[in-house]
C-alpha atoms as a PDB file:
ATOM      1  CA  UNK A   1     -43.928  59.034 -49.407  1.00  0.00           C
ATOM      2  CA  UNK A   2     -45.850  56.669 -51.674  1.00  0.00           C
ATOM      3  CA  UNK A   3     -49.139  54.903 -51.119  1.00  0.00           C
ATOM      4  CA  UNK A   4     -47.556  51.455 -51.017  1.00  0.00           C
ATOM      5  CA  UNK A   5     -45.073  52.590 -48.349  1.00  0.00           C
ATOM      6  CA  UNK A   6     -47.779  53.256 -45.760  1.00  0.00           C
ATOM      7  CA  UNK A   7     -48.796  49.609 -45.289  1.00  0.00           C
ATOM      8  CA  UNK A   8     -52.334  50.449 -44.182  1.00  0.00           C
ATOM      9  CA  UNK A   9     -55.683  49.679 -45.737  1.00  0.00           C
ATOM     10  CA  UNK A  10     -57.604  52.183 -47.807  1.00  0.00           C
ATOM     11  CA  UNK A  11     -60.332  52.545 -45.126  1.00  0.00           C
ATOM     12  CA  UNK A  12     -57.683  53.266 -42.489  1.00  0.00           C
ATOM     13  CA  UNK A  13     -56.025  55.811 -44.756  1.00  0.00           C
ATOM     14  CA  UNK A  14     -59.340  57.536 -45.415  1.00  0.00           C
ATOM     15  CA  UNK A  15     -60.111  57.650 -41.691  1.00  0.00           C
ATOM     16  CA  UNK A  16     -56.780  59.322 -40.957  1.00  0.00           C
ATOM     17  CA  UNK A  17     -57.215  61.710 -43.884  1.00  0.00           C
ATOM     18  CA  UNK A  18     -60.633  62.753 -42.567  1.00  0.00           C
ATOM     19  CA  UNK A  19     -59.046  63.625 -39.238  1.00  0.00           C
ATOM     20  CA  UNK A  20     -55.816  65.278 -40.338  1.00  0.00           C
ATOM     21  CA  UNK A  21     -56.182  66.718 -43.848  1.00  0.00           C
ATOM     22  CA  UNK A  22     -58.244  69.865 -43.498  1.00  0.00           C
ATOM     23  CA  UNK A  23     -58.122  71.189 -47.061  1.00  0.00           C
ATOM     24  CA  UNK A  24     -61.124  69.662 -48.831  1.00  0.00           C
ATOM     25  CA  UNK A  25     -59.642  70.013 -52.312  1.00  0.00           C
ATOM     26  CA  UNK A  26     -56.424  68.270 -51.291  1.00  0.00           C
ATOM     27  CA  UNK A  27     -58.367  65.495 -49.575  1.00  0.00           C
ATOM     28  CA  UNK A  28     -60.454  64.976 -52.711  1.00  0.00           C
ATOM     29  CA  UNK A  29     -57.306  64.869 -54.824  1.00  0.00           C
ATOM     30  CA  UNK A  30     -55.910  62.168 -52.547  1.00  0.00           C
ATOM     31  CA  UNK A  31     -59.157  60.189 -52.794  1.00  0.00           C
ATOM     32  CA  UNK A  32     -59.032  60.361 -56.596  1.00  0.00           C
ATOM     33  CA  UNK A  33     -55.527  58.920 -56.484  1.00  0.00           C
ATOM     34  CA  UNK A  34     -56.673  56.193 -54.102  1.00  0.00           C
ATOM     35  CA  UNK A  35     -59.410  55.337 -56.606  1.00  0.00           C
ATOM     36  CA  UNK A  36     -56.769  54.787 -59.278  1.00  0.00           C
ATOM     37  CA  UNK A  37     -56.918  58.033 -61.234  1.00  0.00           C
ATOM     38  CA  UNK A  38     -53.676  59.176 -62.866  1.00  0.00           C
ATOM     39  CA  UNK A  39     -52.074  62.480 -61.940  1.00  0.00           C
ATOM     40  CA  UNK A  40     -53.040  63.774 -65.382  1.00  0.00           C
ATOM     41  CA  UNK A  41     -56.700  62.841 -64.887  1.00  0.00           C
ATOM     42  CA  UNK A  42     -56.775  64.411 -61.441  1.00  0.00           C
ATOM     43  CA  UNK A  43     -55.015  67.551 -62.671  1.00  0.00           C
ATOM     44  CA  UNK A  44     -57.645  68.010 -65.355  1.00  0.00           C
ATOM     45  CA  UNK A  45     -60.510  67.575 -62.852  1.00  0.00           C
ATOM     46  CA  UNK A  46     -59.054  70.184 -60.479  1.00  0.00           C
ATOM     47  CA  UNK A  47     -57.537  72.537 -63.061  1.00  0.00           C
ATOM     48  CA  UNK A  48     -53.987  71.956 -61.818  1.00  0.00           C
ATOM     49  CA  UNK A  49     -50.772  70.765 -63.394  1.00  0.00           C
ATOM     50  CA  UNK A  50     -49.938  67.077 -63.046  1.00  0.00           C
ATOM     51  CA  UNK A  51     -46.793  68.069 -61.131  1.00  0.00           C
ATOM     52  CA  UNK A  52     -48.764  70.135 -58.594  1.00  0.00           C
ATOM     53  CA  UNK A  53     -51.249  67.293 -58.240  1.00  0.00           C
ATOM     54  CA  UNK A  54     -48.411  64.882 -57.471  1.00  0.00           C
ATOM     55  CA  UNK A  55     -47.009  67.317 -54.892  1.00  0.00           C
ATOM     56  CA  UNK A  56     -50.399  67.566 -53.166  1.00  0.00           C
ATOM     57  CA  UNK A  57     -50.735  63.783 -52.947  1.00  0.00           C
ATOM     58  CA  UNK A  58     -47.210  63.553 -51.544  1.00  0.00           C
ATOM     59  CA  UNK A  59     -47.957  66.265 -48.954  1.00  0.00           C
ATOM     60  CA  UNK A  60     -51.124  64.446 -47.883  1.00  0.00           C
ATOM     61  CA  UNK A  61     -49.327  61.119 -47.578  1.00  0.00           C
ATOM     62  CA  UNK A  62     -46.530  62.696 -45.564  1.00  0.00           C
ATOM     63  CA  UNK A  63     -49.092  64.192 -43.184  1.00  0.00           C
ATOM     64  CA  UNK A  64     -50.891  60.847 -42.868  1.00  0.00           C
ATOM     65  CA  UNK A  65     -47.641  58.980 -42.228  1.00  0.00           C
ATOM     66  CA  UNK A  66     -47.020  61.169 -39.167  1.00  0.00           C
ATOM     67  CA  UNK A  67     -50.285  59.944 -37.632  1.00  0.00           C
ATOM     68  CA  UNK A  68     -49.882  56.220 -38.212  1.00  0.00           C
ATOM     69  CA  UNK A  69     -49.147  54.248 -35.102  1.00  0.00           C
END
């Protein structure tokens, strides 16, 4: 799942994330991506690999997509 595939606004996405993503670190990683940070920048901030960061964003987006009506 990619951000542009969800077809919802950023505020709507954040609202769903607040309700359904319980891991604070993962939620913050998603928010960094929403703000335009690269996976490399996010990985450095959270001491993760860029690949793991990308996986976390994908997991969050998949979870959010299940709760979009």
